[in-house]
Protein backbone atom coordinates (compact mmCIF):
# COMPACT_ATOMS: atom_id res chain seq x y z
CA MET A 1 53.26 73.13 90.83
CA HIS A 2 55.45 70.69 92.72
CA GLU A 3 58.06 73.39 93.33
CA LEU A 4 55.42 75.84 94.54
CA GLY A 5 54.20 73.23 97.01
CA LYS A 6 57.74 72.65 98.27
CA LEU A 7 58.35 76.38 98.58
CA THR A 8 55.11 76.81 100.51
CA SER A 9 55.99 73.98 102.87
CA GLN A 10 59.44 75.37 103.54
CA ILE A 11 58.08 78.86 104.18
CA ALA A 12 55.36 77.56 106.50
CA ASP A 13 57.56 75.10 108.39
CA THR A 14 60.32 77.62 109.06
CA HIS A 15 58.00 80.56 109.81
CA ALA A 16 59.86 82.43 107.10
CA PHE A 17 57.46 85.37 106.97
CA ASN A 18 58.08 86.03 110.66
CA GLU A 19 61.84 85.76 110.19
CA LEU A 20 61.78 88.10 107.20
CA SER A 21 59.67 90.57 109.15
CA ARG A 22 62.08 90.44 112.08
CA TRP A 23 65.01 91.05 109.73
CA ASP A 24 63.18 94.07 108.31
CA ILE A 25 62.69 95.42 111.82
CA ILE A 26 66.26 94.77 112.90
CA ALA A 27 67.58 96.57 109.82
CA ALA A 28 65.31 99.58 110.29
CA ASP A 29 66.48 103.02 111.31
CA VAL A 30 64.99 103.65 114.74
CA GLN A 31 66.49 107.07 115.46
CA ILE A 32 63.18 108.92 115.05
CA ASN A 33 61.34 107.00 117.79
CA ARG A 34 64.33 106.10 119.95
CA THR A 35 63.52 108.44 122.84
CA THR A 36 59.94 107.24 123.10
CA ILE A 37 60.80 103.58 122.59
CA CYS A 38 63.51 103.66 125.25
CA GLY A 39 61.37 105.67 127.68
CA GLY A 40 59.80 102.56 129.17
CA GLY A 41 56.24 101.83 130.14
CA SER A 42 53.16 101.42 128.01
CA ALA A 43 54.00 104.37 125.73
CA ALA A 44 57.33 102.74 124.83
CA ARG A 45 55.67 99.38 124.11
CA ALA A 46 52.99 101.05 121.99
CA ALA A 47 55.54 103.08 120.02
CA ALA A 48 57.70 100.01 119.42
CA ARG A 49 54.74 97.93 118.31
CA LEU A 50 53.50 100.66 115.97
CA ALA A 51 56.97 101.14 114.50
CA ALA A 52 57.38 97.37 114.02
CA MET A 53 54.03 97.16 112.22
CA GLU A 54 54.86 100.12 109.96
CA ILE A 55 58.25 98.64 109.08
CA SER A 56 56.67 95.26 108.34
CA GLU A 57 54.12 96.84 106.00
CA ALA A 58 56.92 97.90 103.64
CA GLY A 59 59.32 95.04 104.22
CA ILE A 60 60.62 91.95 102.52
CA ALA A 61 58.11 89.66 104.24
CA LEU A 62 55.17 91.48 102.66
CA GLN A 63 56.93 91.72 99.29
CA THR A 64 57.60 87.98 99.39
CA TRP A 65 53.97 87.29 100.23
CA MET A 66 52.74 89.52 97.39
CA GLN A 67 54.99 87.73 94.91
CA MET A 68 53.92 84.33 96.16
CA ASN A 69 50.27 85.34 96.10
CA GLY A 70 50.75 86.53 92.51
CA VAL A 71 52.00 83.08 91.54
CA PHE A 72 48.94 81.47 93.12
CA GLU A 73 46.70 83.89 91.22
CA GLU A 74 48.37 82.98 87.91
CA MET A 75 48.14 79.21 88.35
CA PRO A 76 44.48 78.85 87.27
CA TRP A 77 45.30 80.72 84.06
CA LEU A 78 48.20 78.35 83.47
CA PHE A 79 45.94 75.34 84.02
CA ASP A 80 43.45 76.77 81.52
CA GLN A 81 46.20 76.91 78.90
CA PHE A 82 46.63 73.13 79.12
CA ASP A 83 42.89 72.70 78.51
CA TYR A 84 43.03 75.15 75.61
CA LEU A 85 45.84 73.16 74.03
CA SER A 86 44.07 69.85 74.77
CA LEU A 87 46.95 68.72 76.93
CA PRO A 88 46.61 66.88 80.22
CA LYS A 89 46.86 69.19 83.21
CA PRO A 90 50.05 68.72 85.17
CA GLY A 91 49.71 67.82 88.80
CA ASN A 92 46.78 67.92 91.11
CA VAL A 93 44.62 71.04 91.39
CA GLU A 94 43.66 70.08 94.96
CA ALA A 95 47.33 70.10 95.95
CA LEU A 96 47.61 73.64 94.61
CA GLU A 97 44.57 74.72 96.61
CA GLN A 98 46.05 73.12 99.74
CA ALA A 99 49.37 74.87 99.17
CA GLU A 100 47.62 78.21 98.73
CA ALA A 101 45.60 77.72 101.91
CA ARG A 102 48.75 76.76 103.80
CA ALA A 103 50.57 79.83 102.49
CA HIS A 104 47.70 82.10 103.60
CA THR A 105 47.74 80.51 107.06
CA ALA A 106 51.51 80.81 107.36
CA PHE A 107 51.46 84.46 106.36
CA SER A 108 48.58 85.31 108.68
CA GLU A 109 50.08 83.53 111.67
CA ASP A 110 53.61 84.84 111.14
CA MET A 111 52.58 88.43 110.52
CA LEU A 112 50.27 88.55 113.54
CA GLN A 113 53.30 88.47 115.81
CA PRO A 114 54.49 92.09 115.71
CA LEU A 115 55.35 91.87 119.41
CA ASP A 116 58.41 89.72 118.58
CA GLY A 117 59.69 92.40 116.24
CA ALA A 118 58.75 95.18 118.62
CA LEU A 119 60.81 93.65 121.39
CA GLU A 120 63.81 93.39 119.08
CA LEU A 121 63.25 96.97 117.97
CA VAL A 122 63.28 98.13 121.61
CA SER A 123 66.44 96.16 122.25
CA LYS A 124 68.16 97.65 119.20
CA ALA A 125 67.04 101.22 119.84
CA CYS A 126 67.99 101.24 123.50
CA ARG A 127 71.29 99.46 122.92
CA ILE A 128 72.26 102.23 120.48
CA GLU A 129 71.33 104.87 123.05
CA SER A 130 73.56 103.51 125.80
């Protein structure tokens, strides 16, 4: 539980989900939408934002969140095993709840910034074109 709390803090403090999402976007193949994205104006911004969101939906940031969320879902079961075996529960359940809430907040805040990734996507796509 202590390690999960440390991991959550590090992810939240460094905005890791946002960084992972940006890495996904930077690594993406943008050839399909390059003409539209580099065309300028509102259509280009909309295409870049949509592409960034689609890339993020299948990227490492979301995979990391799903794995982390899975650990949080398993923790109550693990705590129940200590009760079942009449052993004292390790750690503080409230700390686990706080870590889970912090992880949810970090993911939500970091993943609601697709504009950052979209701007990088535009930069990458148009740099390739020139």
